[in-house]
N, C-alpha and C. Protein backbone atom coordinates (compact mmCIF):
# COMPACT_ATOMS: atom_id res chain seq x y z
N MET A 1 23.70 5.66 11.90
CA MET A 1 22.41 5.04 12.12
C MET A 1 22.58 3.54 11.88
N GLY A 2 22.01 2.73 12.76
CA GLY A 2 22.07 1.29 12.62
C GLY A 2 20.69 0.72 12.46
N LYS A 3 20.62 -0.50 11.98
CA LYS A 3 19.33 -1.17 11.84
C LYS A 3 19.52 -2.64 12.13
N GLN A 4 18.67 -3.17 12.99
CA GLN A 4 18.72 -4.58 13.30
C GLN A 4 17.33 -5.15 13.17
N THR A 5 17.28 -6.43 12.85
CA THR A 5 16.01 -7.12 12.78
C THR A 5 16.02 -8.23 13.79
N ILE A 6 14.99 -8.30 14.61
CA ILE A 6 14.84 -9.35 15.61
C ILE A 6 13.79 -10.31 15.08
N LYS A 7 14.12 -11.58 15.01
CA LYS A 7 13.16 -12.58 14.57
C LYS A 7 12.82 -13.45 15.76
N MET A 8 11.55 -13.55 16.03
CA MET A 8 11.06 -14.34 17.15
C MET A 8 10.07 -15.36 16.60
N ASN A 9 10.22 -16.61 17.00
CA ASN A 9 9.27 -17.63 16.58
C ASN A 9 8.24 -17.84 17.66
N LYS A 10 6.99 -17.72 17.29
CA LYS A 10 5.88 -17.98 18.19
C LYS A 10 4.78 -18.59 17.36
N ASN A 11 4.30 -19.74 17.76
CA ASN A 11 3.27 -20.45 17.00
C ASN A 11 3.72 -20.68 15.56
N ASN A 12 5.00 -21.04 15.40
CA ASN A 12 5.58 -21.32 14.08
C ASN A 12 5.53 -20.13 13.13
N GLU A 13 5.49 -18.93 13.66
CA GLU A 13 5.51 -17.73 12.83
C GLU A 13 6.77 -16.93 13.15
N THR A 14 7.26 -16.23 12.16
CA THR A 14 8.40 -15.36 12.37
C THR A 14 7.89 -13.93 12.53
N ASN A 15 8.30 -13.30 13.59
CA ASN A 15 7.88 -11.93 13.87
C ASN A 15 9.12 -11.05 13.75
N THR A 16 9.16 -10.20 12.74
CA THR A 16 10.32 -9.36 12.50
C THR A 16 10.02 -7.95 13.00
N LEU A 17 10.92 -7.43 13.79
CA LEU A 17 10.75 -6.08 14.33
C LEU A 17 12.05 -5.32 14.11
N ASP A 18 11.97 -4.24 13.38
CA ASP A 18 13.14 -3.42 13.09
C ASP A 18 13.26 -2.29 14.09
N HIS A 19 14.50 -1.89 14.31
CA HIS A 19 14.73 -0.68 15.08
C HIS A 19 16.01 -0.02 14.59
N THR A 20 16.08 1.28 14.80
CA THR A 20 17.28 2.04 14.43
C THR A 20 17.78 2.77 15.66
N VAL A 21 19.06 3.08 15.64
CA VAL A 21 19.66 3.89 16.70
C VAL A 21 20.17 5.16 16.03
N HIS A 22 19.70 6.30 16.55
CA HIS A 22 20.05 7.59 15.95
C HIS A 22 20.05 8.66 17.03
N ASN A 23 21.14 9.42 17.13
CA ASN A 23 21.23 10.53 18.08
C ASN A 23 20.81 10.13 19.50
N ASN A 24 21.36 9.06 20.01
CA ASN A 24 21.08 8.58 21.38
C ASN A 24 19.64 8.13 21.57
N ASN A 25 18.93 7.87 20.48
CA ASN A 25 17.57 7.35 20.55
C ASN A 25 17.55 5.95 19.94
N VAL A 26 16.82 5.05 20.56
CA VAL A 26 16.50 3.80 19.89
C VAL A 26 15.07 3.97 19.40
N ILE A 27 14.88 3.81 18.10
CA ILE A 27 13.57 4.01 17.49
C ILE A 27 13.06 2.65 17.04
N ILE A 28 11.98 2.19 17.65
CA ILE A 28 11.41 0.89 17.35
C ILE A 28 10.31 1.08 16.32
N HIS A 29 10.37 0.27 15.25
CA HIS A 29 9.47 0.42 14.11
C HIS A 29 8.53 -0.79 13.99
N PRO A 30 7.48 -0.87 14.82
CA PRO A 30 6.54 -1.97 14.64
C PRO A 30 5.84 -1.87 13.29
N THR A 31 5.60 -3.02 12.66
CA THR A 31 4.95 -3.02 11.35
C THR A 31 3.45 -3.27 11.45
N HIS A 32 2.98 -3.70 12.60
CA HIS A 32 1.55 -3.90 12.80
C HIS A 32 1.25 -3.87 14.29
N PHE A 33 -0.01 -3.60 14.63
CA PHE A 33 -0.37 -3.38 16.03
C PHE A 33 -0.17 -4.62 16.89
N GLN A 34 -0.14 -5.83 16.31
CA GLN A 34 0.08 -7.03 17.12
C GLN A 34 1.44 -7.00 17.82
N GLN A 35 2.40 -6.31 17.24
CA GLN A 35 3.71 -6.23 17.89
C GLN A 35 3.67 -5.37 19.14
N ILE A 36 2.67 -4.53 19.28
CA ILE A 36 2.50 -3.77 20.52
C ILE A 36 1.55 -4.52 21.46
N TYR A 37 0.60 -5.30 20.90
CA TYR A 37 -0.24 -6.16 21.74
C TYR A 37 0.64 -7.14 22.53
N ASN A 38 1.57 -7.76 21.81
CA ASN A 38 2.44 -8.77 22.41
C ASN A 38 3.82 -8.15 22.56
N LEU A 39 4.15 -7.73 23.75
CA LEU A 39 5.41 -7.00 23.97
C LEU A 39 6.65 -7.87 23.89
N HIS A 40 6.49 -9.19 23.69
CA HIS A 40 7.65 -10.08 23.62
C HIS A 40 8.61 -9.68 22.50
N SER A 41 8.09 -9.17 21.39
CA SER A 41 8.96 -8.79 20.28
C SER A 41 9.76 -7.53 20.59
N ILE A 42 9.26 -6.69 21.48
CA ILE A 42 9.93 -5.44 21.81
C ILE A 42 10.91 -5.63 22.97
N THR A 43 10.67 -6.61 23.82
CA THR A 43 11.46 -6.80 25.04
C THR A 43 12.97 -6.88 24.80
N PRO A 44 13.47 -7.67 23.82
CA PRO A 44 14.93 -7.72 23.64
C PRO A 44 15.55 -6.37 23.29
N ILE A 45 14.83 -5.56 22.51
CA ILE A 45 15.34 -4.23 22.15
C ILE A 45 15.36 -3.35 23.39
N LEU A 46 14.29 -3.41 24.19
CA LEU A 46 14.23 -2.60 25.41
C LEU A 46 15.33 -2.98 26.38
N GLU A 47 15.54 -4.26 26.58
CA GLU A 47 16.58 -4.71 27.52
C GLU A 47 17.94 -4.18 27.11
N SER A 48 18.21 -4.20 25.82
CA SER A 48 19.48 -3.66 25.31
C SER A 48 19.55 -2.16 25.52
N ALA A 49 18.47 -1.45 25.25
CA ALA A 49 18.44 0.01 25.42
C ALA A 49 18.58 0.39 26.89
N PHE A 50 17.92 -0.37 27.78
CA PHE A 50 17.95 -0.04 29.20
C PHE A 50 19.34 -0.19 29.80
N THR A 51 20.15 -1.08 29.24
CA THR A 51 21.50 -1.29 29.78
C THR A 51 22.56 -0.46 29.07
N SER A 52 22.18 0.27 28.04
CA SER A 52 23.14 1.07 27.27
C SER A 52 23.24 2.49 27.83
N ASN A 53 24.45 2.92 28.08
CA ASN A 53 24.66 4.31 28.50
C ASN A 53 24.50 5.28 27.33
N ASP A 54 24.58 4.77 26.10
CA ASP A 54 24.48 5.62 24.92
C ASP A 54 23.04 5.97 24.56
N ILE A 55 22.09 5.17 25.01
CA ILE A 55 20.68 5.40 24.67
C ILE A 55 20.04 6.26 25.74
N LYS A 56 19.46 7.36 25.33
CA LYS A 56 18.77 8.27 26.26
C LYS A 56 17.24 8.16 26.16
N THR A 57 16.74 7.86 24.93
CA THR A 57 15.31 7.85 24.71
C THR A 57 14.88 6.61 23.93
N VAL A 58 13.80 6.00 24.37
CA VAL A 58 13.14 4.91 23.65
C VAL A 58 11.97 5.54 22.90
N VAL A 59 11.95 5.34 21.58
CA VAL A 59 10.92 5.94 20.74
C VAL A 59 10.17 4.82 20.01
N ILE A 60 8.85 4.87 20.04
CA ILE A 60 8.04 3.94 19.26
C ILE A 60 7.48 4.70 18.06
N ASP A 61 7.81 4.22 16.86
CA ASP A 61 7.34 4.82 15.62
C ASP A 61 5.97 4.22 15.29
N LEU A 62 4.94 5.04 15.32
CA LEU A 62 3.58 4.56 15.09
C LEU A 62 3.13 4.70 13.63
N LYS A 63 4.08 4.89 12.73
CA LYS A 63 3.74 5.10 11.31
C LYS A 63 2.81 4.01 10.76
N ASN A 64 3.06 2.76 11.12
CA ASN A 64 2.29 1.64 10.56
C ASN A 64 1.22 1.12 11.52
N ILE A 65 0.95 1.84 12.58
CA ILE A 65 0.02 1.35 13.59
C ILE A 65 -1.35 2.00 13.43
N ARG A 66 -2.29 1.23 12.96
CA ARG A 66 -3.70 1.60 12.86
C ARG A 66 -4.46 0.30 12.81
N PRO A 67 -5.49 0.10 13.48
CA PRO A 67 -6.11 1.00 14.45
C PRO A 67 -5.38 0.95 15.78
N ILE A 68 -5.88 1.70 16.72
CA ILE A 68 -5.33 1.69 18.07
C ILE A 68 -6.49 1.47 19.02
N ASP A 69 -6.26 0.67 20.04
CA ASP A 69 -7.33 0.40 21.00
C ASP A 69 -6.76 0.48 22.41
N SER A 70 -7.59 0.15 23.39
CA SER A 70 -7.18 0.31 24.79
C SER A 70 -5.99 -0.59 25.16
N LEU A 71 -5.87 -1.77 24.55
CA LEU A 71 -4.73 -2.64 24.86
C LEU A 71 -3.43 -2.03 24.36
N VAL A 72 -3.46 -1.49 23.14
CA VAL A 72 -2.26 -0.82 22.60
C VAL A 72 -1.91 0.38 23.48
N ILE A 73 -2.90 1.18 23.83
CA ILE A 73 -2.64 2.35 24.69
C ILE A 73 -2.06 1.90 26.02
N GLY A 74 -2.64 0.86 26.62
CA GLY A 74 -2.13 0.35 27.89
C GLY A 74 -0.69 -0.12 27.78
N ASN A 75 -0.35 -0.79 26.69
CA ASN A 75 1.02 -1.25 26.51
C ASN A 75 1.98 -0.10 26.25
N LEU A 76 1.53 0.95 25.56
CA LEU A 76 2.38 2.13 25.39
C LEU A 76 2.66 2.80 26.73
N VAL A 77 1.65 2.87 27.58
CA VAL A 77 1.84 3.42 28.93
C VAL A 77 2.81 2.55 29.71
N LYS A 78 2.69 1.23 29.59
CA LYS A 78 3.61 0.31 30.27
C LYS A 78 5.04 0.53 29.77
N LEU A 79 5.22 0.65 28.45
CA LEU A 79 6.55 0.89 27.89
C LEU A 79 7.12 2.21 28.41
N ARG A 80 6.28 3.23 28.50
CA ARG A 80 6.73 4.53 29.04
C ARG A 80 7.19 4.37 30.48
N ASN A 81 6.39 3.69 31.29
CA ASN A 81 6.74 3.51 32.71
C ASN A 81 8.00 2.68 32.86
N ASP A 82 8.14 1.60 32.09
CA ASP A 82 9.34 0.77 32.15
C ASP A 82 10.58 1.57 31.74
N SER A 83 10.43 2.39 30.72
CA SER A 83 11.56 3.22 30.27
C SER A 83 11.99 4.17 31.37
N GLN A 84 11.03 4.84 31.99
CA GLN A 84 11.37 5.79 33.05
C GLN A 84 11.98 5.10 34.26
N LYS A 85 11.49 3.92 34.60
CA LYS A 85 12.07 3.17 35.73
C LYS A 85 13.53 2.82 35.47
N ASN A 86 13.88 2.71 34.19
CA ASN A 86 15.25 2.37 33.81
C ASN A 86 16.06 3.60 33.40
N GLY A 87 15.57 4.79 33.76
CA GLY A 87 16.32 6.01 33.53
C GLY A 87 16.33 6.51 32.09
N LYS A 88 15.38 6.06 31.30
CA LYS A 88 15.30 6.49 29.90
C LYS A 88 14.04 7.31 29.68
N GLU A 89 14.11 8.22 28.73
CA GLU A 89 12.92 8.94 28.31
C GLU A 89 12.15 8.06 27.35
N PHE A 90 10.88 8.37 27.14
CA PHE A 90 10.04 7.60 26.23
C PHE A 90 9.25 8.57 25.38
N ALA A 91 9.14 8.24 24.09
CA ALA A 91 8.39 9.12 23.18
C ALA A 91 7.78 8.29 22.06
N LEU A 92 6.83 8.92 21.39
CA LEU A 92 6.20 8.35 20.20
C LEU A 92 6.50 9.28 19.03
N CYS A 93 6.55 8.72 17.82
CA CYS A 93 6.70 9.56 16.63
C CYS A 93 5.80 9.02 15.53
N ASN A 94 5.62 9.82 14.50
CA ASN A 94 4.76 9.48 13.36
C ASN A 94 3.36 9.09 13.83
N VAL A 95 2.81 9.90 14.70
CA VAL A 95 1.48 9.64 15.24
C VAL A 95 0.43 10.25 14.30
N ALA A 96 -0.43 9.40 13.76
CA ALA A 96 -1.48 9.87 12.85
C ALA A 96 -2.47 10.74 13.61
N ASP A 97 -3.12 11.62 12.87
CA ASP A 97 -4.09 12.55 13.49
C ASP A 97 -5.18 11.82 14.26
N GLU A 98 -5.69 10.71 13.70
CA GLU A 98 -6.76 9.99 14.40
C GLU A 98 -6.28 9.36 15.70
N ILE A 99 -5.01 8.95 15.74
CA ILE A 99 -4.45 8.40 16.98
C ILE A 99 -4.18 9.52 17.98
N ARG A 100 -3.70 10.64 17.49
CA ARG A 100 -3.49 11.81 18.36
C ARG A 100 -4.81 12.22 19.01
N MET A 101 -5.89 12.15 18.26
CA MET A 101 -7.21 12.50 18.81
C MET A 101 -7.62 11.52 19.91
N VAL A 102 -7.30 10.23 19.73
CA VAL A 102 -7.59 9.25 20.78
C VAL A 102 -6.80 9.60 22.04
N PHE A 103 -5.53 9.95 21.87
CA PHE A 103 -4.70 10.34 23.03
C PHE A 103 -5.26 11.58 23.71
N GLU A 104 -5.72 12.54 22.91
CA GLU A 104 -6.30 13.77 23.48
C GLU A 104 -7.59 13.45 24.24
N THR A 105 -8.44 12.62 23.67
CA THR A 105 -9.69 12.23 24.34
C THR A 105 -9.42 11.52 25.65
N ALA A 106 -8.39 10.67 25.66
CA ALA A 106 -8.03 9.93 26.87
C ALA A 106 -7.16 10.76 27.81
N LYS A 107 -6.92 12.01 27.44
CA LYS A 107 -6.10 12.93 28.24
C LYS A 107 -4.69 12.38 28.49
N LEU A 108 -4.09 11.82 27.43
CA LEU A 108 -2.75 11.25 27.52
C LEU A 108 -1.68 12.12 26.86
N THR A 109 -2.07 13.23 26.26
CA THR A 109 -1.08 14.02 25.52
C THR A 109 -0.05 14.67 26.45
N ASP A 110 -0.39 14.90 27.70
CA ASP A 110 0.61 15.42 28.64
C ASP A 110 1.46 14.30 29.23
N PHE A 111 0.98 13.08 29.13
CA PHE A 111 1.64 11.91 29.71
C PHE A 111 2.58 11.24 28.71
N LEU A 112 2.17 11.16 27.44
CA LEU A 112 2.97 10.54 26.39
C LEU A 112 3.60 11.62 25.52
N THR A 113 4.90 11.65 25.43
CA THR A 113 5.61 12.62 24.60
C THR A 113 5.50 12.21 23.14
N ILE A 114 5.11 13.15 22.30
CA ILE A 114 5.02 12.89 20.86
C ILE A 114 6.02 13.81 20.17
N LEU A 115 6.94 13.20 19.43
CA LEU A 115 7.99 13.95 18.75
C LEU A 115 7.78 13.92 17.24
N SER A 116 8.19 14.99 16.60
CA SER A 116 8.18 15.03 15.12
C SER A 116 9.50 14.45 14.62
N ARG A 117 9.53 14.15 13.34
CA ARG A 117 10.78 13.64 12.73
C ARG A 117 11.89 14.67 12.88
N ASP A 118 11.55 15.96 12.78
CA ASP A 118 12.55 17.02 12.94
C ASP A 118 13.14 17.01 14.35
N GLU A 119 12.27 16.82 15.34
CA GLU A 119 12.76 16.77 16.73
C GLU A 119 13.68 15.58 16.96
N LEU A 120 13.46 14.49 16.22
CA LEU A 120 14.32 13.32 16.33
C LEU A 120 15.60 13.47 15.52
N GLY A 121 15.60 14.45 14.61
CA GLY A 121 16.78 14.64 13.76
C GLY A 121 16.89 13.62 12.65
N ILE A 122 15.73 13.12 12.19
CA ILE A 122 15.75 12.14 11.10
C ILE A 122 14.95 12.64 9.91
């Protein structure tokens, strides 16, 4: 398992985004919902995953993401579509019950794959 931190400066702020690589999955660990609002922090990780033959699935860990709104949902759908266009699977993990209910209400549970930690092997 590896861990890298990407630091991006925007408006004189440092935005740190961690990710791990485990069992052919890149697992992105946003620490707050703004990192999903602004996909610039995720883009370098995605570009690396999309060009790697070793990465099969892009996973977004939603452990620290609350609240969730339509912009976050829209960006998750965009990440899913971008992953599939690049031949990668896309999934979410650590989805809180209240977020799962939002996905169910929006009828996204068949569209967005949600994995447990056991399914990820972590």
